[in-house]
Amino acid sequence: MRVSILIPVYQEEAHVAELLRRVLAFSVEDLGFERETLLCDDGSTDGTARAIEATIGGAPGVRVFSHRVNRGKGAAIRTLLAHATGDCVLVQDADLEYEVEDAAPMLRAFADGHDAVYGSRFLEARWPASMRFANYVANRMLTHTANALYGHRITDEATCLKLVRTSVLRSMDLECERFDFCPEVTAKLGRLGVPIHEIPVRYRGRGKADGKKISWRDGVEAFEVLVRHRSWSRRQ
């Protein structure tokens, strides 16, 4: 089996080099997987592109794509998904809020037959210590909404770490541009009847001063996406 690690990157000069070192050091072979790593520099204007180039060198299995202007996380993921060759895709942000190694049990779960695996920040801690109050409330509301509308039994709808079978993700005809990737995928998994399996993951949240880009407006949009896609049906 092969996993495609998809990394959308925007204005992450300070973190992307360390993230890439951790990804490249993460051994998936011991888990029975081959790996490719796909990055999309989503119109960064800082030193992100230079940091990526300096870090990956001639590393095998790494491909870098770019957008001339910033289009959003969802658009970057869709660009990468079009080039993915793995049996499953793992979305990994470049901001170091999540531990790369926590993907190992997620891959094991996929190998055991789970087509969608989320890394939950709430399975081992009711309230992750580094999560701000506003983000905690938004996460609780979005998770309860997703469970109510789609019959999921998940604890963390808005987690970054999502692993989904590639063919399932492509069947969704994703339209997401920004952070609406998360609720769109969650909604369409529900519509497709694909259960979500969760694995506990560690989390070290950051604030706007450290480069965090999501805002309350994205939470409102995520709620709207969950509601709107309740009537979505797969194209024939």
Protein backbone atom coordinates (compact mmCIF):
# COMPACT_ATOMS: atom_id res chain seq x y z
CA MET A 1 0.00 0.00 0.00
CA ARG A 2 1.00 3.60 -0.54
CA VAL A 3 0.14 6.74 1.39
CA SER A 4 0.19 10.18 -0.20
CA ILE A 5 1.02 12.83 2.40
CA LEU A 6 -0.56 16.10 1.29
CA ILE A 7 0.89 19.29 2.81
CA PRO A 8 -0.74 22.64 2.00
CA VAL A 9 1.64 25.47 2.89
CA TYR A 10 1.09 29.22 3.15
CA GLN A 11 3.41 31.71 4.82
CA GLU A 12 5.17 29.06 6.93
CA GLU A 13 8.80 30.12 6.54
CA ALA A 14 9.36 29.65 10.27
CA HIS A 15 7.97 26.12 10.48
CA VAL A 16 7.96 24.30 7.15
CA ALA A 17 11.61 23.19 7.23
CA GLU A 18 11.20 21.48 10.61
CA LEU A 19 7.88 19.95 9.53
CA LEU A 20 9.51 18.50 6.40
CA ARG A 21 12.41 17.08 8.39
CA ARG A 22 9.93 15.31 10.65
CA VAL A 23 7.86 14.01 7.73
CA LEU A 24 10.91 12.69 5.89
CA ALA A 25 12.17 11.03 9.09
CA PHE A 26 8.80 9.38 9.72
CA SER A 27 9.12 5.73 8.69
CA VAL A 28 6.01 4.30 7.05
CA GLU A 29 7.82 1.26 5.67
CA ASP A 30 7.66 -0.45 9.07
CA LEU A 31 3.87 -0.08 8.82
CA GLY A 32 3.72 -1.80 5.44
CA PHE A 33 3.40 1.39 3.36
CA GLU A 34 5.25 3.18 0.62
CA ARG A 35 5.10 6.98 0.72
CA GLU A 36 5.00 10.01 -1.50
CA THR A 37 5.02 13.54 -0.11
CA LEU A 38 3.24 16.28 -2.05
CA LEU A 39 3.45 19.96 -1.08
CA CYS A 40 1.55 22.94 -2.44
CA ASP A 41 3.00 26.38 -1.76
CA ASP A 42 -0.25 28.33 -1.86
CA GLY A 43 1.05 31.69 -3.03
CA SER A 44 3.41 32.39 -0.13
CA THR A 45 5.25 35.71 -0.29
CA ASP A 46 7.72 35.10 2.54
CA GLY A 47 10.64 32.66 2.47
CA THR A 48 8.48 29.51 2.40
CA ALA A 49 9.52 28.44 -1.11
CA ARG A 50 13.23 28.85 -0.30
CA ALA A 51 12.83 26.91 2.94
CA ILE A 52 11.11 24.04 1.12
CA GLU A 53 13.75 23.88 -1.60
CA ALA A 54 16.62 23.99 0.89
CA THR A 55 15.11 21.23 3.03
CA ILE A 56 13.97 18.63 0.53
CA GLY A 57 17.07 18.77 -1.71
CA GLY A 58 16.83 15.69 -3.87
CA ALA A 59 14.71 13.69 -1.43
CA PRO A 60 12.99 10.86 -3.31
CA GLY A 61 9.22 10.75 -3.49
CA VAL A 62 8.77 14.46 -2.82
CA ARG A 63 7.00 16.75 -5.30
CA VAL A 64 6.28 20.44 -4.90
CA PHE A 65 3.46 22.34 -6.61
CA SER A 66 2.57 25.98 -6.29
CA HIS A 67 -0.19 28.52 -6.78
CA ARG A 68 0.79 31.92 -8.15
CA VAL A 69 -1.63 33.58 -5.72
CA ASN A 70 -3.09 32.46 -2.41
CA ARG A 71 -6.25 30.42 -3.04
CA GLY A 72 -6.80 28.71 0.32
CA LYS A 73 -6.11 25.43 2.09
CA GLY A 74 -8.91 23.54 0.36
CA ALA A 75 -7.75 24.64 -3.09
CA ALA A 76 -4.19 23.56 -2.26
CA ILE A 77 -5.40 20.13 -1.14
CA ARG A 78 -7.47 19.71 -4.30
CA THR A 79 -4.40 20.54 -6.40
CA LEU A 80 -2.40 17.89 -4.57
CA LEU A 81 -5.19 15.31 -4.66
CA ALA A 82 -5.18 15.45 -8.46
CA HIS A 83 -1.56 14.22 -8.41
CA ALA A 84 -1.78 11.69 -5.57
CA THR A 85 -0.97 8.08 -6.44
CA GLY A 86 -1.45 6.53 -3.00
CA ASP A 87 -4.20 4.18 -1.82
CA CYS A 88 -4.94 6.76 0.88
CA VAL A 89 -4.14 10.41 1.47
CA LEU A 90 -3.07 11.95 4.76
CA VAL A 91 -3.50 15.70 5.19
CA GLN A 92 -0.72 17.25 7.27
CA ASP A 93 -0.56 20.98 8.03
CA ALA A 94 2.83 22.70 8.05
CA ASP A 95 2.40 24.61 11.31
CA LEU A 96 3.67 21.98 13.79
CA GLU A 97 0.44 21.94 15.82
CA TYR A 98 0.23 18.16 15.36
CA GLU A 99 2.88 15.47 15.81
CA VAL A 100 3.82 13.70 12.58
CA GLU A 101 4.40 10.40 14.37
CA ASP A 102 0.74 10.28 15.46
CA ALA A 103 -0.11 9.29 11.90
CA ALA A 104 1.32 5.81 12.56
CA PRO A 105 -1.77 4.38 14.34
CA MET A 106 -3.95 6.09 11.74
CA LEU A 107 -2.16 4.17 9.00
CA ARG A 108 -2.55 0.96 10.98
CA ALA A 109 -6.29 1.64 11.21
CA PHE A 110 -6.46 2.14 7.44
CA ALA A 111 -4.59 -1.13 6.90
CA ASP A 112 -7.17 -2.79 9.15
CA GLY A 113 -9.95 -1.70 6.80
CA HIS A 114 -11.06 1.78 7.91
CA ASP A 115 -11.55 4.02 4.86
CA ALA A 116 -11.64 7.25 6.87
CA VAL A 117 -9.51 7.90 9.96
CA TYR A 118 -9.44 11.16 11.94
CA GLY A 119 -6.86 12.12 14.53
CA SER A 120 -8.86 13.37 17.51
CA ARG A 121 -7.52 15.89 20.00
CA PHE A 122 -10.36 15.09 22.41
CA LEU A 123 -10.04 11.36 23.01
CA GLU A 124 -7.38 11.70 25.70
CA ALA A 125 -8.14 15.22 26.89
CA ARG A 126 -11.61 16.69 27.23
CA TRP A 127 -10.09 20.12 26.59
CA PRO A 128 -6.60 20.18 25.02
CA ALA A 129 -4.45 22.38 27.22
CA SER A 130 -3.24 24.68 24.43
CA MET A 131 -6.63 25.22 22.80
CA ARG A 132 -8.15 28.66 23.21
CA PHE A 133 -11.68 28.96 24.62
CA ALA A 134 -13.18 30.29 21.37
CA ASN A 135 -11.65 27.44 19.37
CA TYR A 136 -12.86 24.90 21.93
CA VAL A 137 -16.44 26.17 21.74
CA ALA A 138 -16.37 26.24 17.92
CA ASN A 139 -15.01 22.69 17.81
CA ARG A 140 -17.69 21.39 20.15
CA MET A 141 -20.46 23.05 18.13
CA LEU A 142 -19.18 21.79 14.78
CA THR A 143 -18.67 18.26 16.07
CA HIS A 144 -22.15 18.04 17.58
CA THR A 145 -23.63 19.44 14.36
CA ALA A 146 -21.80 16.89 12.22
CA ASN A 147 -22.93 14.05 14.46
CA ALA A 148 -26.54 15.22 14.48
CA LEU A 149 -26.79 15.79 10.74
CA TYR A 150 -24.82 12.81 9.45
CA GLY A 151 -25.01 10.14 12.12
CA HIS A 152 -21.31 10.30 12.90
CA ARG A 153 -20.00 9.45 16.34
CA ILE A 154 -16.87 11.54 16.29
CA THR A 155 -15.25 13.81 18.87
CA ASP A 156 -13.21 16.15 16.63
CA GLU A 157 -14.73 17.32 13.35
CA ALA A 158 -12.21 20.11 12.78
CA THR A 159 -9.02 18.10 13.25
CA CYS A 160 -6.28 18.71 10.70
CA LEU A 161 -5.11 15.09 10.64
CA LYS A 162 -7.47 13.31 8.27
CA LEU A 163 -6.65 10.08 6.42
CA VAL A 164 -9.09 8.98 3.72
CA ARG A 165 -9.02 6.34 0.99
CA THR A 166 -8.05 8.21 -2.19
CA SER A 167 -10.86 6.82 -4.31
CA VAL A 168 -13.43 7.85 -1.69
CA LEU A 169 -12.06 11.39 -1.48
CA ARG A 170 -12.04 11.77 -5.24
CA SER A 171 -15.62 10.54 -5.50
CA MET A 172 -16.76 13.57 -3.49
CA ASP A 173 -16.11 16.13 -6.25
CA LEU A 174 -14.66 18.51 -3.68
CA GLU A 175 -15.38 22.22 -4.10
CA CYS A 176 -13.61 23.57 -1.02
CA GLU A 177 -11.32 26.59 -1.30
CA ARG A 178 -10.37 27.48 2.27
CA PHE A 179 -10.79 25.79 5.64
CA ASP A 180 -14.14 24.42 4.44
CA PHE A 181 -12.20 21.30 3.39
CA CYS A 182 -12.78 19.78 6.85
CA PRO A 183 -16.58 20.15 7.07
CA GLU A 184 -17.07 19.28 3.40
CA VAL A 185 -15.20 15.99 3.77
CA THR A 186 -16.97 15.18 7.04
CA ALA A 187 -20.36 15.91 5.50
CA LYS A 188 -19.75 13.90 2.36
CA LEU A 189 -18.37 10.93 4.27
CA GLY A 190 -21.68 10.92 6.09
CA ARG A 191 -23.66 11.15 2.87
CA LEU A 192 -21.63 8.27 1.40
CA GLY A 193 -22.20 6.16 4.50
CA VAL A 194 -18.47 5.91 5.24
CA PRO A 195 -17.89 5.67 9.01
CA ILE A 196 -15.10 7.72 10.56
CA HIS A 197 -12.67 5.91 12.86
CA GLU A 198 -10.81 8.10 15.37
CA ILE A 199 -7.33 7.80 16.83
CA PRO A 200 -6.07 10.02 19.70
CA VAL A 201 -3.42 12.56 18.68
CA ARG A 202 -1.38 15.21 20.46
CA TYR A 203 -1.94 18.91 19.85
CA ARG A 204 0.03 22.07 20.49
CA GLY A 205 -2.12 25.01 19.43
CA ARG A 206 -0.71 28.35 18.38
CA GLY A 207 -2.18 31.85 18.28
CA LYS A 208 -2.34 34.55 15.64
CA ALA A 209 0.97 35.98 16.84
CA ASP A 210 2.54 32.65 15.86
CA GLY A 211 0.91 32.64 12.43
CA LYS A 212 -2.43 30.89 13.01
CA LYS A 213 -4.70 31.81 10.13
CA ILE A 214 -8.14 30.40 10.95
CA SER A 215 -10.68 32.85 12.40
CA TRP A 216 -14.25 32.95 13.73
CA ARG A 217 -15.46 33.58 10.18
CA ASP A 218 -14.14 30.17 9.17
CA GLY A 219 -16.13 28.61 12.00
CA VAL A 220 -19.30 30.22 10.70
CA GLU A 221 -18.50 29.02 7.18
CA ALA A 222 -17.83 25.49 8.46
CA PHE A 223 -21.25 25.37 10.13
CA GLU A 224 -22.89 26.60 6.91
CA VAL A 225 -21.06 23.94 4.89
CA LEU A 226 -22.24 21.15 7.20
CA VAL A 227 -25.84 22.31 6.86
CA ARG A 228 -25.69 22.92 3.11
CA HIS A 229 -24.22 19.54 2.24
CA ARG A 230 -26.92 17.72 4.16
CA SER A 231 -28.82 17.64 0.86
CA TRP A 232 -25.73 16.80 -1.25
CA SER A 233 -25.84 13.63 -3.33
CA ARG A 234 -23.05 12.00 -5.28
CA ARG A 235 -23.03 12.68 -8.98
CA GLN A 236 -23.75 9.73 -11.17
